[in-house]
């Protein structure tokens, strides 16, 4: 959003922003606060080939993977 603040967002970019916002709300609810969520996003995770999950937020598929992973954490208590 910061990169495009001076112009109108196209539909795809608007959809991406909304999708990221929804994912953020979902994950912050699980991690209890933004700081914990950001900490997880920046920590290498084996499920993401040892990369930080934040690297996957820029694609629809990556965001789906993040949500699935948090759901697994939520319901099966895996790390």
PDB file of N, CA and C in Angstrom:
ATOM      1  N   UNK A   1       0.823  -1.184   0.000  1.00  0.00           N
ATOM      2  CA  UNK A   1       0.000   0.000   0.000  1.00  0.00           C
ATOM      3  C   UNK A   1       0.871   1.254   0.000  1.00  0.00           C
ATOM      4  N   UNK A   2       1.954   1.217   0.761  1.00  0.00           N
ATOM      5  CA  UNK A   2       2.809   2.399   0.846  1.00  0.00           C
ATOM      6  C   UNK A   2       3.377   2.747  -0.526  1.00  0.00           C
ATOM      7  N   UNK A   3       3.760   1.721  -1.295  1.00  0.00           N
ATOM      8  CA  UNK A   3       4.321   1.969  -2.621  1.00  0.00           C
ATOM      9  C   UNK A   3       3.319   2.626  -3.551  1.00  0.00           C
ATOM     10  N   UNK A   4       2.029   2.390  -3.340  1.00  0.00           N
ATOM     11  CA  UNK A   4       1.008   2.862  -4.258  1.00  0.00           C
ATOM     12  C   UNK A   4       0.093   3.916  -3.637  1.00  0.00           C
ATOM     13  N   UNK A   5       0.534   4.590  -2.570  1.00  0.00           N
ATOM     14  CA  UNK A   5      -0.349   5.496  -1.852  1.00  0.00           C
ATOM     15  C   UNK A   5      -0.762   6.726  -2.660  1.00  0.00           C
ATOM     16  N   UNK A   6      -0.021   7.082  -3.676  1.00  0.00           N
ATOM     17  CA  UNK A   6      -0.341   8.286  -4.431  1.00  0.00           C
ATOM     18  C   UNK A   6      -1.285   8.029  -5.604  1.00  0.00           C
ATOM     19  N   UNK A   7      -1.634   6.764  -5.850  1.00  0.00           N
ATOM     20  CA  UNK A   7      -2.534   6.472  -6.956  1.00  0.00           C
ATOM     21  C   UNK A   7      -3.595   5.464  -6.538  1.00  0.00           C
ATOM     22  N   UNK A   8      -4.647   5.396  -7.333  1.00  0.00           N
ATOM     23  CA  UNK A   8      -5.719   4.438  -7.074  1.00  0.00           C
ATOM     24  C   UNK A   8      -5.218   3.023  -7.263  1.00  0.00           C
ATOM     25  N   UNK A   9      -5.705   2.135  -6.410  1.00  0.00           N
ATOM     26  CA  UNK A   9      -5.335   0.729  -6.530  1.00  0.00           C
ATOM     27  C   UNK A   9      -6.211   0.056  -7.575  1.00  0.00           C
ATOM     28  N   UNK A  10      -5.611  -0.802  -8.394  1.00  0.00           N
ATOM     29  CA  UNK A  10      -6.425  -1.564  -9.334  1.00  0.00           C
ATOM     30  C   UNK A  10      -7.108  -2.703  -8.568  1.00  0.00           C
ATOM     31  N   UNK A  11      -8.004  -3.402  -9.233  1.00  0.00           N
ATOM     32  CA  UNK A  11      -8.781  -4.447  -8.568  1.00  0.00           C
ATOM     33  C   UNK A  11      -7.884  -5.535  -7.982  1.00  0.00           C
ATOM     34  N   UNK A  12      -6.893  -5.984  -8.731  1.00  0.00           N
ATOM     35  CA  UNK A  12      -6.021  -7.053  -8.240  1.00  0.00           C
ATOM     36  C   UNK A  12      -5.267  -6.622  -6.985  1.00  0.00           C
ATOM     37  N   UNK A  13      -4.723  -5.423  -7.010  1.00  0.00           N
ATOM     38  CA  UNK A  13      -3.975  -4.930  -5.861  1.00  0.00           C
ATOM     39  C   UNK A  13      -4.906  -4.731  -4.664  1.00  0.00           C
ATOM     40  N   UNK A  14      -6.105  -4.226  -4.917  1.00  0.00           N
ATOM     41  CA  UNK A  14      -7.093  -4.065  -3.841  1.00  0.00           C
ATOM     42  C   UNK A  14      -7.453  -5.413  -3.231  1.00  0.00           C
ATOM     43  N   UNK A  15      -7.671  -6.414  -4.082  1.00  0.00           N
ATOM     44  CA  UNK A  15      -7.988  -7.756  -3.588  1.00  0.00           C
ATOM     45  C   UNK A  15      -6.847  -8.324  -2.750  1.00  0.00           C
ATOM     46  N   UNK A  16      -5.610  -8.094  -3.201  1.00  0.00           N
ATOM     47  CA  UNK A  16      -4.441  -8.569  -2.444  1.00  0.00           C
ATOM     48  C   UNK A  16      -4.365  -7.904  -1.074  1.00  0.00           C
ATOM     49  N   UNK A  17      -4.602  -6.596  -1.025  1.00  0.00           N
ATOM     50  CA  UNK A  17      -4.557  -5.867   0.243  1.00  0.00           C
ATOM     51  C   UNK A  17      -5.620  -6.401   1.196  1.00  0.00           C
ATOM     52  N   UNK A  18      -6.826  -6.616   0.692  1.00  0.00           N
ATOM     53  CA  UNK A  18      -7.897  -7.152   1.540  1.00  0.00           C
ATOM     54  C   UNK A  18      -7.571  -8.560   2.017  1.00  0.00           C
ATOM     55  N   UNK A  19      -7.014  -9.368   1.142  1.00  0.00           N
ATOM     56  CA  UNK A  19      -6.648 -10.736   1.490  1.00  0.00           C
ATOM     57  C   UNK A  19      -5.575 -10.748   2.580  1.00  0.00           C
ATOM     58  N   UNK A  20      -4.592  -9.889   2.456  1.00  0.00           N
ATOM     59  CA  UNK A  20      -3.531  -9.795   3.463  1.00  0.00           C
ATOM     60  C   UNK A  20      -4.103  -9.298   4.793  1.00  0.00           C
ATOM     61  N   UNK A  21      -5.019  -8.345   4.728  1.00  0.00           N
ATOM     62  CA  UNK A  21      -5.644  -7.837   5.956  1.00  0.00           C
ATOM     63  C   UNK A  21      -6.436  -8.938   6.661  1.00  0.00           C
ATOM     64  N   UNK A  22      -7.183  -9.727   5.903  1.00  0.00           N
ATOM     65  CA  UNK A  22      -7.947 -10.830   6.496  1.00  0.00           C
ATOM     66  C   UNK A  22      -7.012 -11.866   7.112  1.00  0.00           C
ATOM     67  N   UNK A  23      -5.942 -12.194   6.401  1.00  0.00           N
ATOM     68  CA  UNK A  23      -4.959 -13.135   6.929  1.00  0.00           C
ATOM     69  C   UNK A  23      -4.344 -12.580   8.212  1.00  0.00           C
ATOM     70  N   UNK A  24      -4.028 -11.303   8.203  1.00  0.00           N
ATOM     71  CA  UNK A  24      -3.456 -10.669   9.389  1.00  0.00           C
ATOM     72  C   UNK A  24      -4.379 -10.768  10.592  1.00  0.00           C
ATOM     73  N   UNK A  25      -5.649 -10.481  10.394  1.00  0.00           N
ATOM     74  CA  UNK A  25      -6.623 -10.577  11.485  1.00  0.00           C
ATOM     75  C   UNK A  25      -6.702 -12.005  12.017  1.00  0.00           C
ATOM     76  N   UNK A  26      -6.768 -12.954  11.110  1.00  0.00           N
ATOM     77  CA  UNK A  26      -6.846 -14.364  11.490  1.00  0.00           C
ATOM     78  C   UNK A  26      -5.628 -14.770  12.315  1.00  0.00           C
ATOM     79  N   UNK A  27      -4.449 -14.380  11.845  1.00  0.00           N
ATOM     80  CA  UNK A  27      -3.211 -14.791  12.506  1.00  0.00           C
ATOM     81  C   UNK A  27      -2.988 -14.050  13.822  1.00  0.00           C
ATOM     82  N   UNK A  28      -3.303 -12.780  13.872  1.00  0.00           N
ATOM     83  CA  UNK A  28      -3.148 -12.027  15.120  1.00  0.00           C
ATOM     84  C   UNK A  28      -4.051 -12.622  16.202  1.00  0.00           C
ATOM     85  N   UNK A  29      -5.216 -13.071  15.804  1.00  0.00           N
ATOM     86  CA  UNK A  29      -6.120 -13.713  16.768  1.00  0.00           C
ATOM     87  C   UNK A  29      -5.458 -14.968  17.354  1.00  0.00           C
ATOM     88  N   UNK A  30      -4.798 -15.749  16.519  1.00  0.00           N
ATOM     89  CA  UNK A  30      -4.116 -16.948  17.009  1.00  0.00           C
ATOM     90  C   UNK A  30      -2.891 -16.592  17.865  1.00  0.00           C
ATOM     91  N   UNK A  31      -2.070 -15.665  17.389  1.00  0.00           N
ATOM     92  CA  UNK A  31      -0.819 -15.330  18.074  1.00  0.00           C
ATOM     93  C   UNK A  31      -1.007 -14.327  19.215  1.00  0.00           C
ATOM     94  N   UNK A  32      -2.220 -13.867  19.445  1.00  0.00           N
ATOM     95  CA  UNK A  32      -2.607 -12.966  20.539  1.00  0.00           C
ATOM     96  C   UNK A  32      -2.267 -11.496  20.318  1.00  0.00           C
ATOM     97  N   UNK A  33      -1.272 -11.184  19.494  1.00  0.00           N
ATOM     98  CA  UNK A  33      -0.971  -9.779  19.222  1.00  0.00           C
ATOM     99  C   UNK A  33      -0.096  -9.670  17.971  1.00  0.00           C
ATOM    100  N   UNK A  34       0.019  -8.456  17.479  1.00  0.00           N
ATOM    101  CA  UNK A  34       0.758  -8.197  16.240  1.00  0.00           C
ATOM    102  C   UNK A  34       2.238  -8.525  16.399  1.00  0.00           C
ATOM    103  N   UNK A  35       2.800  -8.208  17.557  1.00  0.00           N
ATOM    104  CA  UNK A  35       4.223  -8.447  17.768  1.00  0.00           C
ATOM    105  C   UNK A  35       4.559  -9.936  17.663  1.00  0.00           C
ATOM    106  N   UNK A  36       3.745 -10.785  18.283  1.00  0.00           N
ATOM    107  CA  UNK A  36       3.988 -12.233  18.202  1.00  0.00           C
ATOM    108  C   UNK A  36       3.833 -12.735  16.773  1.00  0.00           C
ATOM    109  N   UNK A  37       2.819 -12.232  16.080  1.00  0.00           N
ATOM    110  CA  UNK A  37       2.606 -12.632  14.689  1.00  0.00           C
ATOM    111  C   UNK A  37       3.787 -12.211  13.826  1.00  0.00           C
ATOM    112  N   UNK A  38       4.248 -10.975  13.986  1.00  0.00           N
ATOM    113  CA  UNK A  38       5.402 -10.505  13.215  1.00  0.00           C
ATOM    114  C   UNK A  38       6.653 -11.306  13.540  1.00  0.00           C
ATOM    115  N   UNK A  39       6.819 -11.679  14.801  1.00  0.00           N
ATOM    116  CA  UNK A  39       7.951 -12.508  15.184  1.00  0.00           C
ATOM    117  C   UNK A  39       7.926 -13.852  14.464  1.00  0.00           C
ATOM    118  N   UNK A  40       6.745 -14.464  14.391  1.00  0.00           N
ATOM    119  CA  UNK A  40       6.604 -15.737  13.681  1.00  0.00           C
ATOM    120  C   UNK A  40       6.865 -15.558  12.196  1.00  0.00           C
ATOM    121  N   UNK A  41       6.342 -14.467  11.622  1.00  0.00           N
ATOM    122  CA  UNK A  41       6.539 -14.207  10.195  1.00  0.00           C
ATOM    123  C   UNK A  41       8.013 -14.091   9.819  1.00  0.00           C
ATOM    124  N   UNK A  42       8.820 -13.622  10.760  1.00  0.00           N
ATOM    125  CA  UNK A  42      10.237 -13.380  10.468  1.00  0.00           C
ATOM    126  C   UNK A  42      11.162 -14.498  10.952  1.00  0.00           C
ATOM    127  N   UNK A  43      10.588 -15.577  11.485  1.00  0.00           N
ATOM    128  CA  UNK A  43      11.375 -16.704  11.989  1.00  0.00           C
ATOM    129  C   UNK A  43      11.382 -17.834  10.966  1.00  0.00           C
ATOM    130  N   UNK A  44      12.563 -18.344  10.599  1.00  0.00           N
ATOM    131  CA  UNK A  44      12.613 -19.476   9.675  1.00  0.00           C
ATOM    132  C   UNK A  44      11.798 -20.664  10.211  1.00  0.00           C
ATOM    133  N   UNK A  45      11.011 -21.269   9.329  1.00  0.00           N
ATOM    134  CA  UNK A  45      10.129 -22.380   9.698  1.00  0.00           C
ATOM    135  C   UNK A  45      10.404 -23.545   8.751  1.00  0.00           C
ATOM    136  N   UNK A  46      10.557 -24.742   9.307  1.00  0.00           N
ATOM    137  CA  UNK A  46      10.833 -25.921   8.481  1.00  0.00           C
ATOM    138  C   UNK A  46       9.755 -26.145   7.432  1.00  0.00           C
ATOM    139  N   UNK A  47       8.505 -25.911   7.777  1.00  0.00           N
ATOM    140  CA  UNK A  47       7.408 -26.107   6.817  1.00  0.00           C
ATOM    141  C   UNK A  47       7.545 -25.210   5.585  1.00  0.00           C
ATOM    142  N   UNK A  48       8.340 -24.148   5.721  1.00  0.00           N
ATOM    143  CA  UNK A  48       8.571 -23.225   4.608  1.00  0.00           C
ATOM    144  C   UNK A  48      10.008 -23.338   4.103  1.00  0.00           C
ATOM    145  N   UNK A  49      10.520 -24.553   4.120  1.00  0.00           N
ATOM    146  CA  UNK A  49      11.882 -24.822   3.652  1.00  0.00           C
ATOM    147  C   UNK A  49      12.930 -24.000   4.392  1.00  0.00           C
ATOM    148  N   UNK A  50      12.683 -23.759   5.676  1.00  0.00           N
ATOM    149  CA  UNK A  50      13.628 -23.003   6.488  1.00  0.00           C
ATOM    150  C   UNK A  50      13.607 -21.516   6.236  1.00  0.00           C
ATOM    151  N   UNK A  51      12.648 -21.046   5.471  1.00  0.00           N
ATOM    152  CA  UNK A  51      12.525 -19.614   5.194  1.00  0.00           C
ATOM    153  C   UNK A  51      11.475 -19.006   6.111  1.00  0.00           C
ATOM    154  N   UNK A  52      11.554 -17.695   6.333  1.00  0.00           N
ATOM    155  CA  UNK A  52      10.522 -17.051   7.142  1.00  0.00           C
ATOM    156  C   UNK A  52       9.192 -17.007   6.365  1.00  0.00           C
ATOM    157  N   UNK A  53       8.085 -17.246   7.052  1.00  0.00           N
ATOM    158  CA  UNK A  53       6.780 -17.239   6.388  1.00  0.00           C
ATOM    159  C   UNK A  53       6.454 -15.931   5.653  1.00  0.00           C
ATOM    160  N   UNK A  54       7.010 -14.815   6.111  1.00  0.00           N
ATOM    161  CA  UNK A  54       6.711 -13.525   5.463  1.00  0.00           C
ATOM    162  C   UNK A  54       7.005 -13.568   3.960  1.00  0.00           C
ATOM    163  N   UNK A  55       7.965 -14.370   3.546  1.00  0.00           N
ATOM    164  CA  UNK A  55       8.332 -14.455   2.117  1.00  0.00           C
ATOM    165  C   UNK A  55       7.201 -14.989   1.253  1.00  0.00           C
ATOM    166  N   UNK A  56       6.202 -15.611   1.878  1.00  0.00           N
ATOM    167  CA  UNK A  56       5.110 -16.230   1.139  1.00  0.00           C
ATOM    168  C   UNK A  56       3.845 -15.363   1.089  1.00  0.00           C
ATOM    169  N   UNK A  57       3.889 -14.193   1.670  1.00  0.00           N
ATOM    170  CA  UNK A  57       2.687 -13.356   1.750  1.00  0.00           C
ATOM    171  C   UNK A  57       2.324 -12.658   0.442  1.00  0.00           C
ATOM    172  N   UNK A  58       3.224 -12.617  -0.512  1.00  0.00           N
ATOM    173  CA  UNK A  58       2.972 -11.853  -1.734  1.00  0.00           C
ATOM    174  C   UNK A  58       2.185 -12.596  -2.800  1.00  0.00           C
ATOM    175  N   UNK A  59       1.874 -13.869  -2.552  1.00  0.00           N
ATOM    176  CA  UNK A  59       1.085 -14.608  -3.539  1.00  0.00           C
ATOM    177  C   UNK A  59      -0.164 -15.182  -2.877  1.00  0.00           C
ATOM    178  N   UNK A  60      -1.168 -15.407  -3.674  1.00  0.00           N
ATOM    179  CA  UNK A  60      -2.411 -15.985  -3.166  1.00  0.00           C
ATOM    180  C   UNK A  60      -2.129 -17.359  -2.572  1.00  0.00           C
ATOM    181  N   UNK A  61      -1.393 -18.171  -3.300  1.00  0.00           N
ATOM    182  CA  UNK A  61      -1.066 -19.516  -2.829  1.00  0.00           C
ATOM    183  C   UNK A  61      -0.258 -19.473  -1.536  1.00  0.00           C
ATOM    184  N   UNK A  62       0.672 -18.531  -1.453  1.00  0.00           N
ATOM    185  CA  UNK A  62       1.471 -18.387  -0.241  1.00  0.00           C
ATOM    186  C   UNK A  62       0.614 -18.015   0.956  1.00  0.00           C
ATOM    187  N   UNK A  63      -0.341 -17.111   0.763  1.00  0.00           N
ATOM    188  CA  UNK A  63      -1.231 -16.730   1.853  1.00  0.00           C
ATOM    189  C   UNK A  63      -2.118 -17.897   2.278  1.00  0.00           C
ATOM    190  N   UNK A  64      -2.554 -18.691   1.315  1.00  0.00           N
ATOM    191  CA  UNK A  64      -3.328 -19.890   1.652  1.00  0.00           C
ATOM    192  C   UNK A  64      -2.488 -20.842   2.494  1.00  0.00           C
ATOM    193  N   UNK A  65      -1.226 -21.004   2.121  1.00  0.00           N
ATOM    194  CA  UNK A  65      -0.313 -21.871   2.864  1.00  0.00           C
ATOM    195  C   UNK A  65      -0.102 -21.357   4.289  1.00  0.00           C
ATOM    196  N   UNK A  66       0.049 -20.045   4.437  1.00  0.00           N
ATOM    197  CA  UNK A  66       0.198 -19.458   5.771  1.00  0.00           C
ATOM    198  C   UNK A  66      -1.035 -19.735   6.622  1.00  0.00           C
ATOM    199  N   UNK A  67      -2.211 -19.537   6.051  1.00  0.00           N
ATOM    200  CA  UNK A  67      -3.444 -19.766   6.813  1.00  0.00           C
ATOM    201  C   UNK A  67      -3.580 -21.241   7.184  1.00  0.00           C
ATOM    202  N   UNK A  68      -3.271 -22.135   6.255  1.00  0.00           N
ATOM    203  CA  UNK A  68      -3.326 -23.571   6.556  1.00  0.00           C
ATOM    204  C   UNK A  68      -2.354 -23.927   7.680  1.00  0.00           C
ATOM    205  N   UNK A  69      -1.178 -23.340   7.643  1.00  0.00           N
ATOM    206  CA  UNK A  69      -0.171 -23.621   8.669  1.00  0.00           C
ATOM    207  C   UNK A  69      -0.639 -23.136  10.038  1.00  0.00           C
ATOM    208  N   UNK A  70      -1.194 -21.940  10.094  1.00  0.00           N
ATOM    209  CA  UNK A  70      -1.692 -21.420  11.371  1.00  0.00           C
ATOM    210  C   UNK A  70      -2.867 -22.269  11.854  1.00  0.00           C
ATOM    211  N   UNK A  71      -3.722 -22.722  10.944  1.00  0.00           N
ATOM    212  CA  UNK A  71      -4.807 -23.618  11.337  1.00  0.00           C
ATOM    213  C   UNK A  71      -4.259 -24.912  11.923  1.00  0.00           C
ATOM    214  N   UNK A  72      -3.197 -25.441  11.326  1.00  0.00           N
ATOM    215  CA  UNK A  72      -2.574 -26.650  11.867  1.00  0.00           C
ATOM    216  C   UNK A  72      -2.019 -26.383  13.265  1.00  0.00           C
ATOM    217  N   UNK A  73      -1.379 -25.236  13.433  1.00  0.00           N
ATOM    218  CA  UNK A  73      -0.865 -24.873  14.757  1.00  0.00           C
ATOM    219  C   UNK A  73      -2.017 -24.782  15.760  1.00  0.00           C
ATOM    220  N   UNK A  74      -3.094 -24.188  15.310  1.00  0.00           N
ATOM    221  CA  UNK A  74      -4.254 -23.943  16.175  1.00  0.00           C
ATOM    222  C   UNK A  74      -4.917 -25.249  16.614  1.00  0.00           C
ATOM    223  N   UNK A  75      -5.082 -26.172  15.680  1.00  0.00           N
ATOM    224  CA  UNK A  75      -5.860 -27.361  15.988  1.00  0.00           C
ATOM    225  C   UNK A  75      -5.059 -28.608  16.300  1.00  0.00           C
ATOM    226  N   UNK A  76      -3.800 -28.659  15.906  1.00  0.00           N
ATOM    227  CA  UNK A  76      -3.028 -29.863  16.201  1.00  0.00           C
ATOM    228  C   UNK A  76      -1.826 -29.585  17.087  1.00  0.00           C
ATOM    229  N   UNK A  77      -1.631 -28.317  17.419  1.00  0.00           N
ATOM    230  CA  UNK A  77      -0.560 -27.922  18.334  1.00  0.00           C
ATOM    231  C   UNK A  77       0.832 -28.329  17.856  1.00  0.00           C
ATOM    232  N   UNK A  78       1.063 -28.244  16.516  1.00  0.00           N
ATOM    233  CA  UNK A  78       2.415 -28.491  15.999  1.00  0.00           C
ATOM    234  C   UNK A  78       3.189 -27.189  16.004  1.00  0.00           C
ATOM    235  N   UNK A  79       4.478 -27.259  15.981  1.00  0.00           N
ATOM    236  CA  UNK A  79       5.295 -26.045  15.940  1.00  0.00           C
ATOM    237  C   UNK A  79       5.929 -25.885  14.586  1.00  0.00           C
TER     238      UNK A  79
END
